[in-house]
PDB file of N, CA and C in Angstrom:
ATOM      1  N   MET A   1     228.818 129.675 122.540  1.00  0.00           N
ATOM      2  CA  MET A   1     228.042 128.883 122.907  1.00  0.00           C
ATOM      3  C   MET A   1     226.849 128.727 122.404  1.00  0.00           C
ATOM      4  N   ALA A   2     226.240 127.688 122.145  1.00  0.00           N
ATOM      5  CA  ALA A   2     224.890 127.371 121.648  1.00  0.00           C
ATOM      6  C   ALA A   2     223.974 127.138 122.929  1.00  0.00           C
ATOM      7  N   THR A   3     222.818 128.160 122.854  1.00  0.00           N
ATOM      8  CA  THR A   3     221.733 127.997 123.772  1.00  0.00           C
ATOM      9  C   THR A   3     220.523 127.161 123.459  1.00  0.00           C
ATOM     10  N   ARG A   4     220.113 126.395 124.000  1.00  0.00           N
ATOM     11  CA  ARG A   4     218.781 125.435 123.763  1.00  0.00           C
ATOM     12  C   ARG A   4     217.435 126.131 124.151  1.00  0.00           C
ATOM     13  N   THR A   5     216.803 125.960 123.274  1.00  0.00           N
ATOM     14  CA  THR A   5     215.387 126.804 123.699  1.00  0.00           C
ATOM     15  C   THR A   5     214.610 125.461 124.116  1.00  0.00           C
ATOM     16  N   PRO A   6     213.960 125.578 125.068  1.00  0.00           N
ATOM     17  CA  PRO A   6     213.057 124.672 125.558  1.00  0.00           C
ATOM     18  C   PRO A   6     212.059 124.217 124.438  1.00  0.00           C
ATOM     19  N   THR A   7     211.918 122.981 124.546  1.00  0.00           N
ATOM     20  CA  THR A   7     210.493 122.558 123.641  1.00  0.00           C
ATOM     21  C   THR A   7     209.124 122.797 124.152  1.00  0.00           C
ATOM     22  N   LYS A   8     208.491 123.166 123.195  1.00  0.00           N
ATOM     23  CA  LYS A   8     207.063 123.448 123.711  1.00  0.00           C
ATOM     24  C   LYS A   8     206.439 122.195 123.951  1.00  0.00           C
ATOM     25  N   ARG A   9     205.644 122.112 124.821  1.00  0.00           N
ATOM     26  CA  ARG A   9     204.786 120.979 125.046  1.00  0.00           C
ATOM     27  C   ARG A   9     203.335 121.007 124.347  1.00  0.00           C
ATOM     28  N   PRO A  10     202.971 120.018 123.742  1.00  0.00           N
ATOM     29  CA  PRO A  10     201.395 120.431 123.264  1.00  0.00           C
ATOM     30  C   PRO A  10     200.413 120.634 124.264  1.00  0.00           C
ATOM     31  N   THR A  11     199.794 121.409 123.950  1.00  0.00           N
ATOM     32  CA  THR A  11     198.437 121.971 124.585  1.00  0.00           C
ATOM     33  C   THR A  11     197.575 121.078 124.550  1.00  0.00           C
ATOM     34  N   LYS A  12     196.592 120.675 125.636  1.00  0.00           N
ATOM     35  CA  LYS A  12     195.586 119.575 125.473  1.00  0.00           C
ATOM     36  C   LYS A  12     194.390 120.537 124.960  1.00  0.00           C
ATOM     37  N   ALA A  13     193.711 119.829 123.895  1.00  0.00           N
ATOM     38  CA  ALA A  13     192.497 120.537 123.436  1.00  0.00           C
ATOM     39  C   ALA A  13     191.493 120.674 124.395  1.00  0.00           C
ATOM     40  N   PRO A  14     190.576 121.567 124.440  1.00  0.00           N
ATOM     41  CA  PRO A  14     189.401 121.942 125.598  1.00  0.00           C
ATOM     42  C   PRO A  14     188.502 120.750 125.327  1.00  0.00           C
ATOM     43  N   VAL A  15     188.262 120.361 126.396  1.00  0.00           N
ATOM     44  CA  VAL A  15     186.793 119.306 126.399  1.00  0.00           C
ATOM     45  C   VAL A  15     185.478 119.888 125.722  1.00  0.00           C
ATOM     46  N   THR A  16     184.998 119.491 124.941  1.00  0.00           N
ATOM     47  CA  THR A  16     183.649 120.042 124.640  1.00  0.00           C
ATOM     48  C   THR A  16     182.588 118.700 124.738  1.00  0.00           C
ATOM     49  N   ALA A  17     181.186 119.207 124.445  1.00  0.00           N
ATOM     50  CA  ALA A  17     180.228 117.989 124.499  1.00  0.00           C
ATOM     51  C   ALA A  17     180.596 116.783 123.547  1.00  0.00           C
ATOM     52  N   GLU A  18     181.393 117.240 122.397  1.00  0.00           N
ATOM     53  CA  GLU A  18     181.523 116.123 121.542  1.00  0.00           C
ATOM     54  C   GLU A  18     182.678 115.459 122.055  1.00  0.00           C
ATOM     55  N   SER A  19     183.674 115.923 122.896  1.00  0.00           N
ATOM     56  CA  SER A  19     184.673 115.221 123.153  1.00  0.00           C
ATOM     57  C   SER A  19     184.622 114.578 124.421  1.00  0.00           C
ATOM     58  N   ALA A  20     183.579 114.995 125.230  1.00  0.00           N
ATOM     59  CA  ALA A  20     183.384 114.402 126.719  1.00  0.00           C
ATOM     60  C   ALA A  20     183.317 112.886 126.736  1.00  0.00           C
ATOM     61  N   PRO A  21     184.083 112.465 128.097  1.00  0.00           N
ATOM     62  CA  PRO A  21     183.963 111.066 128.000  1.00  0.00           C
ATOM     63  C   PRO A  21     182.434 110.868 128.141  1.00  0.00           C
ATOM     64  N   PHE A  22     182.241 109.444 127.754  1.00  0.00           N
ATOM     65  CA  PHE A  22     180.744 108.871 128.070  1.00  0.00           C
ATOM     66  C   PHE A  22     180.502 108.889 129.723  1.00  0.00           C
ATOM     67  N   GLU A  23     179.478 109.215 129.992  1.00  0.00           N
ATOM     68  CA  GLU A  23     178.749 109.128 131.464  1.00  0.00           C
ATOM     69  C   GLU A  23     177.987 107.821 131.369  1.00  0.00           C
ATOM     70  N   PRO A  24     178.079 106.939 132.228  1.00  0.00           N
ATOM     71  CA  PRO A  24     177.222 105.653 132.298  1.00  0.00           C
ATOM     72  C   PRO A  24     175.758 106.067 133.073  1.00  0.00           C
ATOM     73  N   VAL A  25     175.066 105.610 132.814  1.00  0.00           N
ATOM     74  CA  VAL A  25     173.655 105.776 133.325  1.00  0.00           C
ATOM     75  C   VAL A  25     173.547 104.766 134.707  1.00  0.00           C
ATOM     76  N   ARG A  26     173.076 105.652 135.671  1.00  0.00           N
ATOM     77  CA  ARG A  26     173.277 105.122 137.050  1.00  0.00           C
ATOM     78  C   ARG A  26     171.648 104.783 137.528  1.00  0.00           C
ATOM     79  N   ILE A  27     171.408 103.463 138.064  1.00  0.00           N
ATOM     80  CA  ILE A  27     170.029 103.023 138.084  1.00  0.00           C
ATOM     81  C   ILE A  27     170.319 102.412 139.735  1.00  0.00           C
ATOM     82  N   GLY A  28     169.206 102.988 140.561  1.00  0.00           N
ATOM     83  CA  GLY A  28     169.459 102.592 141.811  1.00  0.00           C
ATOM     84  C   GLY A  28     169.966 103.804 142.586  1.00  0.00           C
ATOM     85  N   ARG A  29     170.064 103.559 143.956  1.00  0.00           N
ATOM     86  CA  ARG A  29     170.717 104.504 144.682  1.00  0.00           C
ATOM     87  C   ARG A  29     170.152 105.966 144.694  1.00  0.00           C
ATOM     88  N   LYS A  30     168.723 106.349 143.817  1.00  0.00           N
ATOM     89  CA  LYS A  30     168.712 107.401 143.856  1.00  0.00           C
ATOM     90  C   LYS A  30     167.871 107.917 145.011  1.00  0.00           C
ATOM     91  N   ALA A  31     167.788 109.220 145.275  1.00  0.00           N
ATOM     92  CA  ALA A  31     167.203 109.643 146.281  1.00  0.00           C
ATOM     93  C   ALA A  31     165.414 109.446 145.880  1.00  0.00           C
ATOM     94  N   ARG A  32     164.654 108.709 146.499  1.00  0.00           N
ATOM     95  CA  ARG A  32     163.307 108.607 146.249  1.00  0.00           C
ATOM     96  C   ARG A  32     162.560 109.090 147.156  1.00  0.00           C
ATOM     97  N   PRO A  33     161.366 109.750 146.885  1.00  0.00           N
ATOM     98  CA  PRO A  33     160.409 110.465 147.603  1.00  0.00           C
ATOM     99  C   PRO A  33     159.795 109.274 148.796  1.00  0.00           C
ATOM    100  N   THR A  34     159.773 109.750 149.946  1.00  0.00           N
ATOM    101  CA  THR A  34     159.104 108.896 151.142  1.00  0.00           C
ATOM    102  C   THR A  34     157.561 108.250 150.668  1.00  0.00           C
ATOM    103  N   ASP A  35     157.707 106.942 150.707  1.00  0.00           N
ATOM    104  CA  ASP A  35     156.511 106.537 150.784  1.00  0.00           C
ATOM    105  C   ASP A  35     155.893 105.860 151.853  1.00  0.00           C
ATOM    106  N   ASP A  36     154.752 106.573 152.430  1.00  0.00           N
ATOM    107  CA  ASP A  36     154.151 106.353 153.474  1.00  0.00           C
ATOM    108  C   ASP A  36     153.285 104.926 153.601  1.00  0.00           C
ATOM    109  N   GLY A  37     153.290 104.685 152.275  1.00  0.00           N
ATOM    110  CA  GLY A  37     152.217 103.381 152.279  1.00  0.00           C
ATOM    111  C   GLY A  37     150.767 103.567 152.263  1.00  0.00           C
ATOM    112  N   ILE A  38     150.310 102.373 152.181  1.00  0.00           N
ATOM    113  CA  ILE A  38     148.898 102.274 152.334  1.00  0.00           C
ATOM    114  C   ILE A  38     148.446 101.222 153.413  1.00  0.00           C
ATOM    115  N   VAL A  39     147.541 101.352 154.365  1.00  0.00           N
ATOM    116  CA  VAL A  39     147.078 100.541 155.282  1.00  0.00           C
ATOM    117  C   VAL A  39     146.378  99.294 154.617  1.00  0.00           C
ATOM    118  N   LEU A  40     146.969  98.272 154.881  1.00  0.00           N
ATOM    119  CA  LEU A  40     146.363  97.262 154.221  1.00  0.00           C
ATOM    120  C   LEU A  40     145.328  96.281 155.013  1.00  0.00           C
ATOM    121  N   PHE A  41     145.712  96.461 156.382  1.00  0.00           N
ATOM    122  CA  PHE A  41     145.029  95.671 157.645  1.00  0.00           C
ATOM    123  C   PHE A  41     145.267  96.427 158.865  1.00  0.00           C
ATOM    124  N   TYR A  42     144.324  96.301 159.812  1.00  0.00           N
ATOM    125  CA  TYR A  42     144.685  96.678 161.390  1.00  0.00           C
ATOM    126  C   TYR A  42     144.786  94.824 161.933  1.00  0.00           C
ATOM    127  N   LEU A  43     145.586  94.969 162.969  1.00  0.00           N
ATOM    128  CA  LEU A  43     145.782  93.610 163.882  1.00  0.00           C
ATOM    129  C   LEU A  43     145.979  94.387 165.159  1.00  0.00           C
ATOM    130  N   ASP A  44     144.799  93.807 166.147  1.00  0.00           N
ATOM    131  CA  ASP A  44     144.697  94.477 167.373  1.00  0.00           C
ATOM    132  C   ASP A  44     145.023  96.009 167.405  1.00  0.00           C
ATOM    133  N   ASP A  45     144.332  96.691 166.209  1.00  0.00           N
ATOM    134  CA  ASP A  45     144.224  98.145 166.380  1.00  0.00           C
ATOM    135  C   ASP A  45     145.639  98.813 165.847  1.00  0.00           C
ATOM    136  N   GLN A  46     146.679  97.716 165.237  1.00  0.00           N
ATOM    137  CA  GLN A  46     147.881  98.430 164.694  1.00  0.00           C
ATOM    138  C   GLN A  46     147.602  98.452 163.354  1.00  0.00           C
ATOM    139  N   PRO A  47     148.160  99.457 162.731  1.00  0.00           N
ATOM    140  CA  PRO A  47     147.988  99.401 161.291  1.00  0.00           C
ATOM    141  C   PRO A  47     149.154  98.668 160.567  1.00  0.00           C
ATOM    142  N   TYR A  48     149.071  98.003 159.694  1.00  0.00           N
ATOM    143  CA  TYR A  48     150.082  97.076 158.859  1.00  0.00           C
ATOM    144  C   TYR A  48     149.958  97.844 157.516  1.00  0.00           C
ATOM    145  N   ARG A  49     151.157  98.486 156.995  1.00  0.00           N
ATOM    146  CA  ARG A  49     151.131  99.328 155.661  1.00  0.00           C
ATOM    147  C   ARG A  49     151.874  98.312 154.744  1.00  0.00           C
ATOM    148  N   ILE A  50     151.576  98.701 153.305  1.00  0.00           N
ATOM    149  CA  ILE A  50     152.356  98.036 152.425  1.00  0.00           C
ATOM    150  C   ILE A  50     152.561  99.435 151.454  1.00  0.00           C
ATOM    151  N   PRO A  51     153.841  99.082 150.746  1.00  0.00           N
ATOM    152  CA  PRO A  51     153.979 100.554 149.692  1.00  0.00           C
ATOM    153  C   PRO A  51     152.893 100.696 148.782  1.00  0.00           C
ATOM    154  N   ALA A  52     152.806 101.875 148.511  1.00  0.00           N
ATOM    155  CA  ALA A  52     151.867 102.646 147.901  1.00  0.00           C
ATOM    156  C   ALA A  52     152.233 102.340 146.471  1.00  0.00           C
ATOM    157  N   ARG A  53     153.603 102.295 146.149  1.00  0.00           N
ATOM    158  CA  ARG A  53     154.148 102.039 144.853  1.00  0.00           C
ATOM    159  C   ARG A  53     154.998 100.721 144.909  1.00  0.00           C
ATOM    160  N   ILE A  54     154.510  99.809 143.849  1.00  0.00           N
ATOM    161  CA  ILE A  54     154.901  98.426 143.743  1.00  0.00           C
ATOM    162  C   ILE A  54     156.101  98.452 142.598  1.00  0.00           C
ATOM    163  N   SER A  55     157.186  97.883 142.903  1.00  0.00           N
ATOM    164  CA  SER A  55     158.532  98.092 141.823  1.00  0.00           C
ATOM    165  C   SER A  55     157.991  97.082 140.920  1.00  0.00           C
ATOM    166  N   GLN A  56     158.510  97.401 139.783  1.00  0.00           N
ATOM    167  CA  GLN A  56     158.240  96.464 138.417  1.00  0.00           C
ATOM    168  C   GLN A  56     158.658  95.137 138.537  1.00  0.00           C
ATOM    169  N   GLY A  57     159.765  94.866 139.319  1.00  0.00           N
ATOM    170  CA  GLY A  57     160.427  93.650 139.274  1.00  0.00           C
ATOM    171  C   GLY A  57     159.397  92.813 140.588  1.00  0.00           C
ATOM    172  N   MET A  58     158.599  93.382 141.282  1.00  0.00           N
ATOM    173  CA  MET A  58     157.932  92.695 142.297  1.00  0.00           C
ATOM    174  C   MET A  58     156.724  92.411 141.406  1.00  0.00           C
ATOM    175  N   THR A  59     155.991  93.233 140.634  1.00  0.00           N
ATOM    176  CA  THR A  59     155.021  92.965 139.455  1.00  0.00           C
ATOM    177  C   THR A  59     155.392  91.709 138.890  1.00  0.00           C
ATOM    178  N   LEU A  60     156.418  91.624 138.091  1.00  0.00           N
ATOM    179  CA  LEU A  60     156.952  90.557 137.335  1.00  0.00           C
ATOM    180  C   LEU A  60     156.916  89.381 138.090  1.00  0.00           C
ATOM    181  N   GLU A  61     157.454  89.224 139.386  1.00  0.00           N
ATOM    182  CA  GLU A  61     157.729  88.188 140.134  1.00  0.00           C
ATOM    183  C   GLU A  61     156.307  87.494 140.346  1.00  0.00           C
ATOM    184  N   TYR A  62     155.156  88.494 140.831  1.00  0.00           N
ATOM    185  CA  TYR A  62     153.887  88.157 140.905  1.00  0.00           C
ATOM    186  C   TYR A  62     153.321  87.408 139.879  1.00  0.00           C
ATOM    187  N   LEU A  63     153.642  88.048 138.692  1.00  0.00           N
ATOM    188  CA  LEU A  63     153.183  87.374 137.600  1.00  0.00           C
ATOM    189  C   LEU A  63     153.461  85.904 137.126  1.00  0.00           C
ATOM    190  N   ARG A  64     154.802  86.014 137.320  1.00  0.00           N
ATOM    191  CA  ARG A  64     155.670  84.768 137.095  1.00  0.00           C
ATOM    192  C   ARG A  64     155.173  83.686 138.095  1.00  0.00           C
ATOM    193  N   LEU A  65     155.069  83.882 139.349  1.00  0.00           N
ATOM    194  CA  LEU A  65     154.610  83.021 140.290  1.00  0.00           C
ATOM    195  C   LEU A  65     152.976  82.400 140.130  1.00  0.00           C
ATOM    196  N   ALA A  66     152.342  83.618 139.739  1.00  0.00           N
ATOM    197  CA  ALA A  66     151.013  83.308 139.385  1.00  0.00           C
ATOM    198  C   ALA A  66     150.793  82.203 138.066  1.00  0.00           C
ATOM    199  N   ARG A  67     151.498  82.272 137.358  1.00  0.00           N
ATOM    200  CA  ARG A  67     151.603  81.526 135.979  1.00  0.00           C
ATOM    201  C   ARG A  67     152.139  80.111 136.527  1.00  0.00           C
ATOM    202  N   THR A  68     153.190  79.904 137.111  1.00  0.00           N
ATOM    203  CA  THR A  68     153.789  78.645 137.695  1.00  0.00           C
ATOM    204  C   THR A  68     153.094  78.046 138.915  1.00  0.00           C
ATOM    205  N   LEU A  69     152.736  78.841 139.979  1.00  0.00           N
ATOM    206  CA  LEU A  69     152.204  78.125 141.131  1.00  0.00           C
ATOM    207  C   LEU A  69     150.908  78.457 141.336  1.00  0.00           C
ATOM    208  N   GLY A  70     150.336  79.466 140.806  1.00  0.00           N
ATOM    209  CA  GLY A  70     148.761  79.844 141.007  1.00  0.00           C
ATOM    210  C   GLY A  70     148.874  81.102 141.750  1.00  0.00           C
ATOM    211  N   GLU A  71     147.634  81.724 141.418  1.00  0.00           N
ATOM    212  CA  GLU A  71     147.221  83.190 142.205  1.00  0.00           C
ATOM    213  C   GLU A  71     147.664  83.231 143.739  1.00  0.00           C
ATOM    214  N   SER A  72     147.068  82.145 144.236  1.00  0.00           N
ATOM    215  CA  SER A  72     146.819  82.073 145.552  1.00  0.00           C
ATOM    216  C   SER A  72     148.484  82.163 146.272  1.00  0.00           C
ATOM    217  N   ALA A  73     149.262  81.285 145.629  1.00  0.00           N
ATOM    218  CA  ALA A  73     150.482  81.161 146.116  1.00  0.00           C
ATOM    219  C   ALA A  73     151.500  82.443 145.845  1.00  0.00           C
ATOM    220  N   ALA A  74     151.275  83.006 144.714  1.00  0.00           N
ATOM    221  CA  ALA A  74     151.782  84.168 144.133  1.00  0.00           C
ATOM    222  C   ALA A  74     151.325  85.460 145.219  1.00  0.00           C
ATOM    223  N   ALA A  75     150.142  85.645 145.465  1.00  0.00           N
ATOM    224  CA  ALA A  75     149.586  86.746 146.355  1.00  0.00           C
ATOM    225  C   ALA A  75     150.238  86.416 147.785  1.00  0.00           C
ATOM    226  N   GLN A  76     150.369  85.369 148.359  1.00  0.00           N
ATOM    227  CA  GLN A  76     151.007  85.154 149.545  1.00  0.00           C
ATOM    228  C   GLN A  76     152.547  85.197 149.535  1.00  0.00           C
ATOM    229  N   ARG A  77     153.187  84.724 148.722  1.00  0.00           N
ATOM    230  CA  ARG A  77     154.505  85.414 148.518  1.00  0.00           C
ATOM    231  C   ARG A  77     154.655  87.007 148.526  1.00  0.00           C
ATOM    232  N   ILE A  78     154.022  87.349 147.807  1.00  0.00           N
ATOM    233  CA  ILE A  78     154.158  88.923 147.516  1.00  0.00           C
ATOM    234  C   ILE A  78     153.425  89.668 148.714  1.00  0.00           C
ATOM    235  N   LEU A  79     152.644  89.208 149.664  1.00  0.00           N
ATOM    236  CA  LEU A  79     152.207  89.662 150.787  1.00  0.00           C
ATOM    237  C   LEU A  79     153.311  89.622 151.609  1.00  0.00           C
ATOM    238  N   GLU A  80     153.857  88.664 151.665  1.00  0.00           N
ATOM    239  CA  GLU A  80     155.121  88.219 152.857  1.00  0.00           C
ATOM    240  C   GLU A  80     156.213  89.417 152.287  1.00  0.00           C
ATOM    241  N   ARG A  81     156.571  89.631 151.185  1.00  0.00           N
ATOM    242  CA  ARG A  81     157.702  90.683 150.749  1.00  0.00           C
ATOM    243  C   ARG A  81     157.109  92.086 150.974  1.00  0.00           C
ATOM    244  N   LEU A  82     155.689  92.196 150.635  1.00  0.00           N
ATOM    245  CA  LEU A  82     155.207  93.521 151.027  1.00  0.00           C
ATOM    246  C   LEU A  82     155.300  94.018 152.392  1.00  0.00           C
ATOM    247  N   LEU A  83     154.949  93.065 153.127  1.00  0.00           N
ATOM    248  CA  LEU A  83     154.766  93.353 154.640  1.00  0.00           C
ATOM    249  C   LEU A  83     155.915  93.609 155.406  1.00  0.00           C
ATOM    250  N   GLY A  84     156.988  92.471 154.723  1.00  0.00           N
ATOM    251  CA  GLY A  84     158.176  92.354 155.735  1.00  0.00           C
ATOM    252  C   GLY A  84     158.050  91.298 156.568  1.00  0.00           C
ATOM    253  N   PRO A  85     159.083  90.746 156.982  1.00  0.00           N
ATOM    254  CA  PRO A  85     159.005  89.544 157.935  1.00  0.00           C
ATOM    255  C   PRO A  85     158.495  89.692 159.398  1.00  0.00           C
ATOM    256  N   GLU A  86     158.485  90.804 160.105  1.00  0.00           N
ATOM    257  CA  GLU A  86     157.944  91.118 161.403  1.00  0.00           C
ATOM    258  C   GLU A  86     156.549  91.065 161.309  1.00  0.00           C
ATOM    259  N   ALA A  87     156.136  92.144 160.271  1.00  0.00           N
ATOM    260  CA  ALA A  87     154.513  92.084 160.155  1.00  0.00           C
ATOM    261  C   ALA A  87     153.762  90.839 159.601  1.00  0.00           C
ATOM    262  N   TYR A  88     154.704  90.115 158.549  1.00  0.00           N
ATOM    263  CA  TYR A  88     153.883  88.976 158.081  1.00  0.00           C
ATOM    264  C   TYR A  88     153.784  87.907 159.027  1.00  0.00           C
ATOM    265  N   GLU A  89     154.710  88.211 160.112  1.00  0.00           N
ATOM    266  CA  GLU A  89     154.778  86.830 161.163  1.00  0.00           C
ATOM    267  C   GLU A  89     153.640  87.287 162.079  1.00  0.00           C
ATOM    268  N   ALA A  90     153.484  88.614 162.335  1.00  0.00           N
ATOM    269  CA  ALA A  90     152.331  88.926 163.263  1.00  0.00           C
ATOM    270  C   ALA A  90     150.930  88.586 162.603  1.00  0.00           C
ATOM    271  N   LEU A  91     150.798  88.577 161.333  1.00  0.00           N
ATOM    272  CA  LEU A  91     149.630  88.019 161.028  1.00  0.00           C
ATOM    273  C   LEU A  91     149.442  86.335 160.787  1.00  0.00           C
ATOM    274  N   GLU A  92     150.555  85.949 160.368  1.00  0.00           N
ATOM    275  CA  GLU A  92     150.760  84.690 160.352  1.00  0.00           C
ATOM    276  C   GLU A  92     150.300  83.787 161.817  1.00  0.00           C
ATOM    277  N   GLN A  93     150.761  84.614 162.770  1.00  0.00           N
ATOM    278  CA  GLN A  93     150.448  83.873 164.166  1.00  0.00           C
ATOM    279  C   GLN A  93     149.257  84.420 164.901  1.00  0.00           C
ATOM    280  N   SER A  94     148.666  85.225 164.243  1.00  0.00           N
ATOM    281  CA  SER A  94     147.481  85.857 165.096  1.00  0.00           C
ATOM    282  C   SER A  94     146.335  84.746 164.855  1.00  0.00           C
ATOM    283  N   ASP A  95     145.645  84.197 166.100  1.00  0.00           N
ATOM    284  CA  ASP A  95     144.414  83.289 165.921  1.00  0.00           C
ATOM    285  C   ASP A  95     143.269  83.987 165.735  1.00  0.00           C
ATOM    286  N   ASP A  96     143.265  85.369 165.820  1.00  0.00           N
ATOM    287  CA  ASP A  96     142.074  86.350 165.458  1.00  0.00           C
ATOM    288  C   ASP A  96     141.800  86.381 163.970  1.00  0.00           C
ATOM    289  N   VAL A  97     142.732  86.025 162.838  1.00  0.00           N
ATOM    290  CA  VAL A  97     142.383  86.250 161.444  1.00  0.00           C
ATOM    291  C   VAL A  97     141.592  85.183 160.887  1.00  0.00           C
ATOM    292  N   ARG A  98     140.349  85.408 160.582  1.00  0.00           N
ATOM    293  CA  ARG A  98     139.385  84.577 159.879  1.00  0.00           C
ATOM    294  C   ARG A  98     139.706  84.366 158.597  1.00  0.00           C
ATOM    295  N   GLU A  99     139.133  83.341 157.969  1.00  0.00           N
ATOM    296  CA  GLU A  99     139.391  82.999 156.467  1.00  0.00           C
ATOM    297  C   GLU A  99     138.888  84.034 155.613  1.00  0.00           C
ATOM    298  N   GLU A 100     137.617  84.601 156.345  1.00  0.00           N
ATOM    299  CA  GLU A 100     137.476  85.736 155.199  1.00  0.00           C
ATOM    300  C   GLU A 100     138.057  87.013 155.018  1.00  0.00           C
ATOM    301  N   GLU A 101     138.520  87.181 156.148  1.00  0.00           N
ATOM    302  CA  GLU A 101     139.494  88.560 156.299  1.00  0.00           C
ATOM    303  C   GLU A 101     140.859  88.226 155.649  1.00  0.00           C
ATOM    304  N   MET A 102     141.465  86.981 155.587  1.00  0.00           N
ATOM    305  CA  MET A 102     142.733  86.734 154.752  1.00  0.00           C
ATOM    306  C   MET A 102     142.123  86.728 153.314  1.00  0.00           C
ATOM    307  N   ASP A 103     141.177  86.278 152.918  1.00  0.00           N
ATOM    308  CA  ASP A 103     140.661  86.282 151.633  1.00  0.00           C
ATOM    309  C   ASP A 103     140.783  87.657 151.038  1.00  0.00           C
ATOM    310  N   GLN A 104     140.102  88.554 151.914  1.00  0.00           N
ATOM    311  CA  GLN A 104     140.027  89.814 151.784  1.00  0.00           C
ATOM    312  C   GLN A 104     141.326  90.616 151.581  1.00  0.00           C
ATOM    313  N   ILE A 105     142.394  90.359 152.491  1.00  0.00           N
ATOM    314  CA  ILE A 105     143.679  90.915 152.624  1.00  0.00           C
ATOM    315  C   ILE A 105     144.643  90.346 151.058  1.00  0.00           C
ATOM    316  N   LEU A 106     144.282  89.190 150.733  1.00  0.00           N
ATOM    317  CA  LEU A 106     144.927  88.628 149.715  1.00  0.00           C
ATOM    318  C   LEU A 106     144.433  89.314 148.366  1.00  0.00           C
ATOM    319  N   ARG A 107     142.999  89.451 148.349  1.00  0.00           N
ATOM    320  CA  ARG A 107     142.526  90.013 146.920  1.00  0.00           C
ATOM    321  C   ARG A 107     143.219  91.555 146.931  1.00  0.00           C
ATOM    322  N   ALA A 108     142.999  92.269 148.207  1.00  0.00           N
ATOM    323  CA  ALA A 108     143.666  93.444 147.926  1.00  0.00           C
ATOM    324  C   ALA A 108     145.019  93.626 147.551  1.00  0.00           C
ATOM    325  N   VAL A 109     145.931  92.692 147.828  1.00  0.00           N
ATOM    326  CA  VAL A 109     147.135  92.625 147.600  1.00  0.00           C
ATOM    327  C   VAL A 109     147.575  92.277 146.110  1.00  0.00           C
ATOM    328  N   THR A 110     146.532  91.373 145.511  1.00  0.00           N
ATOM    329  CA  THR A 110     146.496  91.119 144.048  1.00  0.00           C
ATOM    330  C   THR A 110     145.965  92.313 143.492  1.00  0.00           C
ATOM    331  N   HIS A 111     144.943  92.898 143.673  1.00  0.00           N
ATOM    332  CA  HIS A 111     144.370  93.984 142.892  1.00  0.00           C
ATOM    333  C   HIS A 111     145.538  94.969 143.295  1.00  0.00           C
ATOM    334  N   HIS A 112     146.106  95.397 144.350  1.00  0.00           N
ATOM    335  CA  HIS A 112     147.079  96.464 144.391  1.00  0.00           C
ATOM    336  C   HIS A 112     148.327  96.124 143.344  1.00  0.00           C
ATOM    337  N   ILE A 113     148.852  95.134 143.322  1.00  0.00           N
ATOM    338  CA  ILE A 113     150.214  94.545 142.395  1.00  0.00           C
ATOM    339  C   ILE A 113     149.402  94.601 140.860  1.00  0.00           C
ATOM    340  N   ALA A 114     148.476  93.730 140.707  1.00  0.00           N
ATOM    341  CA  ALA A 114     148.063  93.464 139.188  1.00  0.00           C
ATOM    342  C   ALA A 114     147.004  94.052 138.696  1.00  0.00           C
ATOM    343  N   GLY A 115     146.130  94.654 139.312  1.00  0.00           N
ATOM    344  CA  GLY A 115     145.077  95.619 138.780  1.00  0.00           C
ATOM    345  C   GLY A 115     143.944  94.633 139.147  1.00  0.00           C
ATOM    346  N   PRO A 116     142.677  95.341 139.051  1.00  0.00           N
ATOM    347  CA  PRO A 116     141.412  94.519 139.172  1.00  0.00           C
ATOM    348  C   PRO A 116     141.276  93.174 138.534  1.00  0.00           C
ATOM    349  N   GLU A 117     140.681  92.314 139.105  1.00  0.00           N
ATOM    350  CA  GLU A 117     140.542  91.058 138.453  1.00  0.00           C
ATOM    351  C   GLU A 117     139.564  90.847 137.135  1.00  0.00           C
ATOM    352  N   ASP A 118     139.648  90.170 136.480  1.00  0.00           N
ATOM    353  CA  ASP A 118     138.663  90.293 135.154  1.00  0.00           C
ATOM    354  C   ASP A 118     137.651  89.376 135.690  1.00  0.00           C
ATOM    355  N   SER A 119     136.535  90.084 135.383  1.00  0.00           N
ATOM    356  CA  SER A 119     134.968  89.473 135.880  1.00  0.00           C
ATOM    357  C   SER A 119     134.634  88.580 134.807  1.00  0.00           C
ATOM    358  N   GLY A 120     135.171  88.537 133.282  1.00  0.00           N
ATOM    359  CA  GLY A 120     134.778  88.108 132.521  1.00  0.00           C
ATOM    360  C   GLY A 120     135.958  87.922 131.043  1.00  0.00           C
ATOM    361  N   LYS A 121     135.712  87.121 130.279  1.00  0.00           N
ATOM    362  CA  LYS A 121     136.687  87.006 129.193  1.00  0.00           C
ATOM    363  C   LYS A 121     135.828  87.814 127.970  1.00  0.00           C
ATOM    364  N   ASP A 122     136.946  88.175 127.086  1.00  0.00           N
ATOM    365  CA  ASP A 122     136.389  89.012 126.117  1.00  0.00           C
ATOM    366  C   ASP A 122     135.225  89.616 125.959  1.00  0.00           C
ATOM    367  N   GLN A 123     135.306  90.937 126.847  1.00  0.00           N
ATOM    368  CA  GLN A 123     133.954  91.655 127.022  1.00  0.00           C
ATOM    369  C   GLN A 123     133.983  92.587 126.097  1.00  0.00           C
ATOM    370  N   ALA A 124     132.935  92.937 125.049  1.00  0.00           N
ATOM    371  CA  ALA A 124     132.928  93.715 123.791  1.00  0.00           C
ATOM    372  C   ALA A 124     132.376  95.015 124.494  1.00  0.00           C
TER     373      ALA A 124
END
């Protein structure tokens, strides 16, 4: 009687750096350091903060809105996004906010997101 020898199964080649599968780049959902923010204003002695670090997306949104709607509209929209709905509504509903204070807040937001205003053109 003839005996059969089991067939050998091919062995897999070891995975090396050259043969490793592609690892996709992950964007977002990374652990981020805590951002305690910076105090933008006080309303009835309660501090209202905005993030210390502004995302590039928000900066680009500000620049687009400033170009299409004007700097005041862009600053207002970004202020709303930075503060969040509750804090923005508190500012909006306060009868104590004067025009000078609102201008100062909007200038601070604009400076924070886009840098200092140009005081002149083509300075040499």
